[in-house]
Amino acid sequence: MLGRHLQYLRCPATGQKLTLLNQSLVGGGRTYPINRTGVPALLAQQPKRDDRIQKEHYNKQLTKAYLKNLGYAHTKEYFRYLDNELKRIVGRKSLGMVLDLCCGHGEVQKLFGEKVKLGFGVDISEDMLSYAQKNNKKKRFAYLQASGLELPFPDGVFDHVFCLGGIHHIPNQRALFREIRRVLKRGGRLVFREPVDDFVLWRGLRKIIYFLSPKLDQKTERPVRRIVMEKEMSKCGLRMTSWRTKGFMGCALFMNSDVLVFNRFLRFLPGIRGLVRQFAAWDEALSRGRVLAGKGIQVLGEARKVR
């Protein structure tokens, strides 16, 4: 079931190697069950507060709304623009050993699966992981329910760690970056895409959205700021090497239909895909201009392990 992936798994509490026994992983004096979809639950018996909050937040109702949002024409079209920008950052070379942290529905497998030697997807939501596992046809990835603050891997195993929309869900960034640094090889790369909160306009708009949407709260959603993120990375032995913000009005209008009800009706608008492509082109032009450079809603970036 886990095949080649099993050799890289460790007990998150003790660091000891895990072995497969019936429908469980065993090691370090602990037993971790594997659910009916083949996803091991490598969680502590007493989860950290941040993990508990996230697990409760991503209940089945929210997961269904999020996945439904990804299927809307306007969301798919704008994501295509962001994905193409992400691919330019990642490049065309083989990615080696890969960790998709806060993997959700398995986006890294979808975008970069053919470049991956062996991959793992980690998330706190069992519902999200079950969806990712269902679409894991080539079995190049193994999906695990685990904490980003206690990763079930040995030191220095990954060439790349991806975190696409997960950092802003974890309040203790320093602990997260410390774990990312630990599992990266020397010179390994962290690639991230996150909502960013540096520009005062987006900061104010988000406050209104948090007030209006019952599915959002500041315990689970904390958009990142460059100065804070770069400082925390530096303390953990990571050096930020790229920070490019993208997305303006197109991103605000066409994304997040899972929490912004009015966005859902845009899927009925004739010619919506063409309209989104035009907004994406305007957003890209604005992101390259002098006035709004660095003031986009989303950041695409990378960092390297330096020590």
Protein backbone atom coordinates (compact mmCIF):
# COMPACT_ATOMS: atom_id res chain seq x y z
CA MET A 1 0.00 0.00 0.00
CA LEU A 2 2.70 2.52 0.99
CA GLY A 3 5.41 0.76 -1.02
CA ARG A 4 8.59 2.82 -1.41
CA HIS A 5 7.20 5.58 0.80
CA LEU A 6 7.27 3.49 3.96
CA GLN A 7 11.07 3.69 4.35
CA TYR A 8 10.83 7.47 4.90
CA LEU A 9 8.14 7.46 7.58
CA ARG A 10 8.97 8.12 11.22
CA CYS A 11 6.99 8.31 14.43
CA PRO A 12 6.33 12.08 14.85
CA ALA A 13 6.71 11.79 18.63
CA THR A 14 9.95 9.77 18.86
CA GLY A 15 11.52 9.87 15.40
CA GLN A 16 11.72 6.06 15.28
CA LYS A 17 11.08 4.19 12.06
CA LEU A 18 7.54 3.00 11.37
CA THR A 19 6.57 -0.45 10.12
CA LEU A 20 3.34 -1.69 8.60
CA LEU A 21 1.30 -4.09 10.73
CA ASN A 22 -2.16 -5.09 9.48
CA GLN A 23 -3.99 -1.79 8.90
CA SER A 24 -1.72 0.34 11.07
CA LEU A 25 1.74 1.87 11.25
CA VAL A 26 3.68 0.89 14.36
CA GLY A 27 6.81 2.41 15.92
CA GLY A 28 8.12 4.35 18.89
CA GLY A 29 5.71 2.53 21.17
CA ARG A 30 2.75 3.95 19.26
CA THR A 31 0.20 2.68 16.76
CA TYR A 32 -1.20 4.86 14.00
CA PRO A 33 -4.32 3.62 12.14
CA ILE A 34 -4.75 3.72 8.37
CA ASN A 35 -8.24 4.69 7.21
CA ARG A 36 -10.31 2.92 4.55
CA THR A 37 -8.95 5.18 1.78
CA GLY A 38 -5.36 4.28 2.68
CA VAL A 39 -4.40 7.46 4.54
CA PRO A 40 -2.41 6.94 7.78
CA ALA A 41 -3.36 9.17 10.74
CA LEU A 42 0.03 10.21 12.16
CA LEU A 43 -1.34 12.59 14.77
CA ALA A 44 -0.40 12.99 18.41
CA GLN A 45 -2.86 11.64 20.98
CA GLN A 46 -3.02 15.15 22.40
CA PRO A 47 -2.87 17.47 19.35
CA LYS A 48 -1.35 20.93 19.63
CA ARG A 49 -3.85 23.76 19.99
CA ASP A 50 -3.20 25.09 16.47
CA ASP A 51 -3.69 21.63 14.96
CA ARG A 52 -6.92 21.13 16.89
CA ILE A 53 -8.33 24.45 15.67
CA GLN A 54 -7.47 23.66 12.05
CA LYS A 55 -8.89 20.18 12.23
CA GLU A 56 -12.17 21.50 13.59
CA HIS A 57 -12.22 24.30 11.00
CA TYR A 58 -11.93 21.95 8.03
CA ASN A 59 -15.02 19.96 8.76
CA LYS A 60 -16.84 18.11 5.99
CA GLN A 61 -19.11 21.06 5.18
CA LEU A 62 -16.22 23.45 4.56
CA THR A 63 -14.28 20.85 2.57
CA LYS A 64 -17.26 20.30 0.25
CA ALA A 65 -17.69 24.05 -0.26
CA TYR A 66 -13.97 24.47 -1.01
CA LEU A 67 -13.88 21.64 -3.54
CA LYS A 68 -17.06 22.87 -5.19
CA ASN A 69 -15.50 26.33 -5.50
CA LEU A 70 -12.52 24.83 -7.35
CA GLY A 71 -14.90 23.49 -10.00
CA TYR A 72 -16.42 26.85 -10.95
CA ALA A 73 -15.33 28.16 -14.36
CA HIS A 74 -14.17 31.55 -13.07
CA THR A 75 -12.16 30.01 -10.23
CA LYS A 76 -10.49 27.49 -12.55
CA GLU A 77 -9.61 30.19 -15.05
CA TYR A 78 -8.00 32.50 -12.50
CA PHE A 79 -6.16 29.60 -10.89
CA ARG A 80 -4.77 28.74 -14.33
CA TYR A 81 -3.11 32.16 -14.37
CA LEU A 82 -1.67 31.72 -10.86
CA ASP A 83 -0.55 28.16 -11.64
CA ASN A 84 1.31 29.30 -14.74
CA GLU A 85 3.12 31.92 -12.68
CA LEU A 86 3.99 29.25 -10.10
CA LYS A 87 5.37 26.96 -12.81
CA ARG A 88 7.70 29.75 -13.96
CA ILE A 89 9.13 29.97 -10.44
CA VAL A 90 9.53 26.21 -10.06
CA GLY A 91 11.18 25.70 -13.46
CA ARG A 92 11.41 22.64 -15.67
CA LYS A 93 13.99 20.50 -13.86
CA SER A 94 13.23 17.35 -11.89
CA LEU A 95 12.06 18.13 -8.37
CA GLY A 96 13.43 15.01 -6.66
CA MET A 97 11.91 14.19 -3.27
CA VAL A 98 8.89 16.43 -2.64
CA LEU A 99 6.67 17.28 0.33
CA ASP A 100 3.32 18.98 -0.30
CA LEU A 101 2.64 20.55 3.09
CA CYS A 102 -0.98 21.49 3.89
CA CYS A 103 -1.67 19.65 0.64
CA GLY A 104 -5.48 19.95 0.60
CA HIS A 105 -6.84 18.21 -2.50
CA GLY A 106 -3.37 17.38 -3.87
CA GLU A 107 -2.52 20.40 -6.01
CA VAL A 108 1.23 19.70 -6.24
CA GLN A 109 0.60 16.21 -7.59
CA LYS A 110 -1.67 17.69 -10.24
CA LEU A 111 0.75 20.45 -11.27
CA PHE A 112 4.15 18.80 -10.90
CA GLY A 113 3.57 15.05 -10.45
CA GLU A 114 5.59 14.04 -13.52
CA LYS A 115 8.68 15.87 -12.18
CA VAL A 116 8.58 14.21 -8.76
CA LYS A 117 10.79 11.24 -7.87
CA LEU A 118 8.74 10.45 -4.77
CA GLY A 119 6.21 12.67 -3.02
CA PHE A 120 4.28 13.02 0.22
CA GLY A 121 1.19 15.09 0.90
CA VAL A 122 0.48 16.14 4.50
CA ASP A 123 -2.70 17.78 5.77
CA ILE A 124 -4.74 17.94 8.97
CA SER A 125 -8.09 17.38 7.19
CA GLU A 126 -9.04 13.74 6.62
CA ASP A 127 -11.74 14.80 4.15
CA MET A 128 -9.26 16.72 1.99
CA LEU A 129 -6.78 13.85 2.11
CA SER A 130 -9.40 11.32 1.06
CA TYR A 131 -10.14 13.44 -2.01
CA ALA A 132 -6.42 13.72 -2.84
CA GLN A 133 -5.94 9.98 -2.40
CA LYS A 134 -8.88 9.24 -4.69
CA ASN A 135 -7.10 11.11 -7.49
CA ASN A 136 -3.68 9.57 -6.73
CA LYS A 137 -3.69 7.29 -9.78
CA LYS A 138 0.04 6.74 -10.30
CA LYS A 139 0.79 6.34 -6.57
CA ARG A 140 3.80 8.63 -6.86
CA PHE A 141 2.52 10.42 -3.76
CA ALA A 142 1.58 9.06 -0.34
CA TYR A 143 -0.95 11.13 1.62
CA LEU A 144 -0.73 11.41 5.41
CA GLN A 145 -2.86 13.03 8.09
CA ALA A 146 -0.24 14.77 10.19
CA SER A 147 0.71 18.08 11.77
CA GLY A 148 2.91 20.59 9.97
CA LEU A 149 4.51 21.23 13.36
CA GLU A 150 5.44 17.54 13.90
CA LEU A 151 6.29 16.09 10.51
CA PRO A 152 6.68 12.27 10.38
CA PHE A 153 9.97 12.29 8.44
CA PRO A 154 13.70 12.07 9.17
CA ASP A 155 16.00 15.07 8.86
CA GLY A 156 17.15 16.30 5.45
CA VAL A 157 15.05 14.08 3.18
CA PHE A 158 13.32 16.52 0.79
CA ASP A 159 14.64 18.50 -2.16
CA HIS A 160 11.47 20.60 -2.31
CA VAL A 161 8.75 21.51 0.15
CA PHE A 162 5.63 23.13 -1.31
CA CYS A 163 3.15 25.04 0.82
CA LEU A 164 0.37 26.43 -1.36
CA GLY A 165 -2.03 28.28 0.89
CA GLY A 166 -1.11 26.63 4.18
CA ILE A 167 1.29 28.99 5.96
CA HIS A 168 -1.43 31.54 6.73
CA HIS A 169 -3.42 28.82 8.52
CA ILE A 170 -0.64 28.19 11.06
CA PRO A 171 -0.17 30.98 13.64
CA ASN A 172 3.18 29.66 14.93
CA GLN A 173 5.21 30.37 11.81
CA ARG A 174 8.54 29.92 13.55
CA ALA A 175 7.68 26.35 14.59
CA LEU A 176 6.47 25.63 11.05
CA PHE A 177 9.62 26.99 9.38
CA ARG A 178 11.79 25.12 11.88
CA GLU A 179 10.15 21.85 10.82
CA ILE A 180 10.39 22.72 7.12
CA ARG A 181 14.10 23.47 7.52
CA ARG A 182 14.62 20.20 9.41
CA VAL A 183 13.18 17.99 6.65
CA LEU A 184 14.81 19.88 3.76
CA LYS A 185 18.16 18.83 2.37
CA ARG A 186 20.94 21.41 2.53
CA GLY A 187 20.18 23.91 -0.24
CA GLY A 188 16.65 22.51 -0.52
CA ARG A 189 13.86 24.81 -1.57
CA LEU A 190 10.56 25.90 -0.02
CA VAL A 191 8.02 27.10 -2.62
CA PHE A 192 4.96 28.93 -1.30
CA ARG A 193 1.79 30.70 -2.44
CA GLU A 194 -0.14 32.62 0.22
CA PRO A 195 -2.63 35.46 0.68
CA VAL A 196 -0.60 38.52 1.61
CA ASP A 197 -1.56 41.39 3.90
CA ASP A 198 1.06 44.09 3.26
CA PHE A 199 -1.17 46.49 1.33
CA VAL A 200 -3.57 48.54 3.44
CA LEU A 201 -6.41 48.23 0.88
CA TRP A 202 -6.46 44.42 1.09
CA ARG A 203 -6.09 44.55 4.86
CA GLY A 204 -9.26 46.63 5.13
CA LEU A 205 -11.15 44.53 2.59
CA ARG A 206 -10.33 41.35 4.48
CA LYS A 207 -11.66 42.79 7.73
CA ILE A 208 -15.00 43.34 6.00
CA ILE A 209 -14.95 39.81 4.56
CA TYR A 210 -14.14 38.27 7.95
CA PHE A 211 -17.06 40.17 9.43
CA LEU A 212 -19.50 39.07 6.71
CA SER A 213 -18.44 35.44 6.23
CA PRO A 214 -19.29 32.90 8.98
CA LYS A 215 -16.74 30.47 7.50
CA LEU A 216 -13.75 32.69 8.23
CA ASP A 217 -12.17 33.82 11.46
CA GLN A 218 -8.76 35.10 12.47
CA LYS A 219 -7.98 31.93 14.43
CA THR A 220 -7.70 30.04 11.16
CA GLU A 221 -6.89 32.73 8.57
CA ARG A 222 -3.89 35.03 9.05
CA PRO A 223 -2.60 36.38 5.71
CA VAL A 224 1.17 36.75 5.70
CA ARG A 225 3.33 39.89 5.78
CA ARG A 226 6.72 39.92 4.12
CA ILE A 227 8.74 41.53 6.91
CA VAL A 228 7.37 39.10 9.52
CA MET A 229 7.72 36.02 7.34
CA GLU A 230 11.25 36.86 6.22
CA LYS A 231 12.33 37.48 9.82
CA GLU A 232 10.88 34.18 11.06
CA MET A 233 12.45 32.28 8.18
CA SER A 234 15.84 33.79 8.88
CA LYS A 235 15.71 32.72 12.53
CA CYS A 236 15.04 29.14 11.40
CA GLY A 237 17.84 28.85 8.84
CA LEU A 238 15.82 29.66 5.73
CA ARG A 239 16.70 32.51 3.35
CA MET A 240 13.92 34.05 1.27
CA THR A 241 15.08 34.20 -2.35
CA SER A 242 11.93 35.33 -4.16
CA TRP A 243 8.76 37.28 -3.30
CA ARG A 244 6.39 38.19 -6.13
CA THR A 245 2.88 39.41 -5.44
CA LYS A 246 0.10 38.76 -7.93
CA GLY A 247 -3.62 39.44 -8.15
CA PHE A 248 -5.64 42.61 -7.79
CA MET A 249 -9.30 43.12 -8.70
CA GLY A 250 -9.46 39.91 -10.74
CA CYS A 251 -8.35 37.89 -7.74
CA ALA A 252 -10.76 39.74 -5.44
CA LEU A 253 -13.72 39.21 -7.78
CA PHE A 254 -13.25 35.66 -9.03
CA MET A 255 -11.68 33.69 -6.18
CA ASN A 256 -12.94 32.35 -2.84
CA SER A 257 -16.47 31.37 -3.88
CA ASP A 258 -16.41 28.93 -0.96
CA VAL A 259 -16.66 31.84 1.51
CA LEU A 260 -17.98 34.73 -0.65
CA VAL A 261 -21.52 33.83 -1.64
CA PHE A 262 -21.91 36.42 -4.42
CA ASN A 263 -18.94 34.89 -6.32
CA ARG A 264 -20.85 31.66 -6.87
CA PHE A 265 -23.34 33.31 -9.22
CA LEU A 266 -20.56 34.39 -11.60
CA ARG A 267 -20.48 30.86 -13.03
CA PHE A 268 -23.77 31.60 -14.79
CA LEU A 269 -22.40 34.71 -16.52
CA PRO A 270 -21.98 34.18 -20.32
CA GLY A 271 -18.37 34.48 -21.46
CA ILE A 272 -17.05 34.35 -17.90
CA ARG A 273 -13.83 32.54 -18.86
CA GLY A 274 -12.84 35.23 -21.34
CA LEU A 275 -13.65 37.95 -18.82
CA VAL A 276 -11.48 36.28 -16.17
CA ARG A 277 -8.59 35.94 -18.63
CA GLN A 278 -8.81 39.66 -19.35
CA PHE A 279 -8.79 40.54 -15.64
CA ALA A 280 -5.82 38.22 -15.13
CA ALA A 281 -3.94 40.05 -17.91
CA TRP A 282 -4.70 43.40 -16.27
CA ASP A 283 -3.62 42.06 -12.88
CA GLU A 284 -0.35 40.83 -14.34
CA ALA A 285 0.32 44.21 -15.96
CA LEU A 286 -0.37 46.00 -12.66
CA SER A 287 1.94 43.66 -10.75
CA ARG A 288 4.78 44.61 -13.11
CA GLY A 289 4.17 48.37 -12.87
CA ARG A 290 5.98 50.72 -10.51
CA VAL A 291 2.94 51.93 -8.57
CA LEU A 292 1.45 48.59 -7.48
CA ALA A 293 4.49 46.28 -7.63
CA GLY A 294 4.59 44.27 -4.41
CA LYS A 295 1.01 45.15 -3.47
CA GLY A 296 -0.90 42.16 -4.85
CA ILE A 297 -3.31 39.91 -2.92
CA GLN A 298 -1.33 36.69 -3.40
CA VAL A 299 2.40 36.10 -3.02
CA LEU A 300 4.34 33.47 -4.95
CA GLY A 301 7.78 32.94 -3.51
CA GLU A 302 10.59 30.67 -2.49
CA ALA A 303 13.20 30.23 0.22
CA ARG A 304 16.34 28.08 0.60
CA LYS A 305 17.81 26.13 3.47
CA VAL A 306 21.10 27.82 4.24
CA ARG A 307 22.39 25.90 7.28
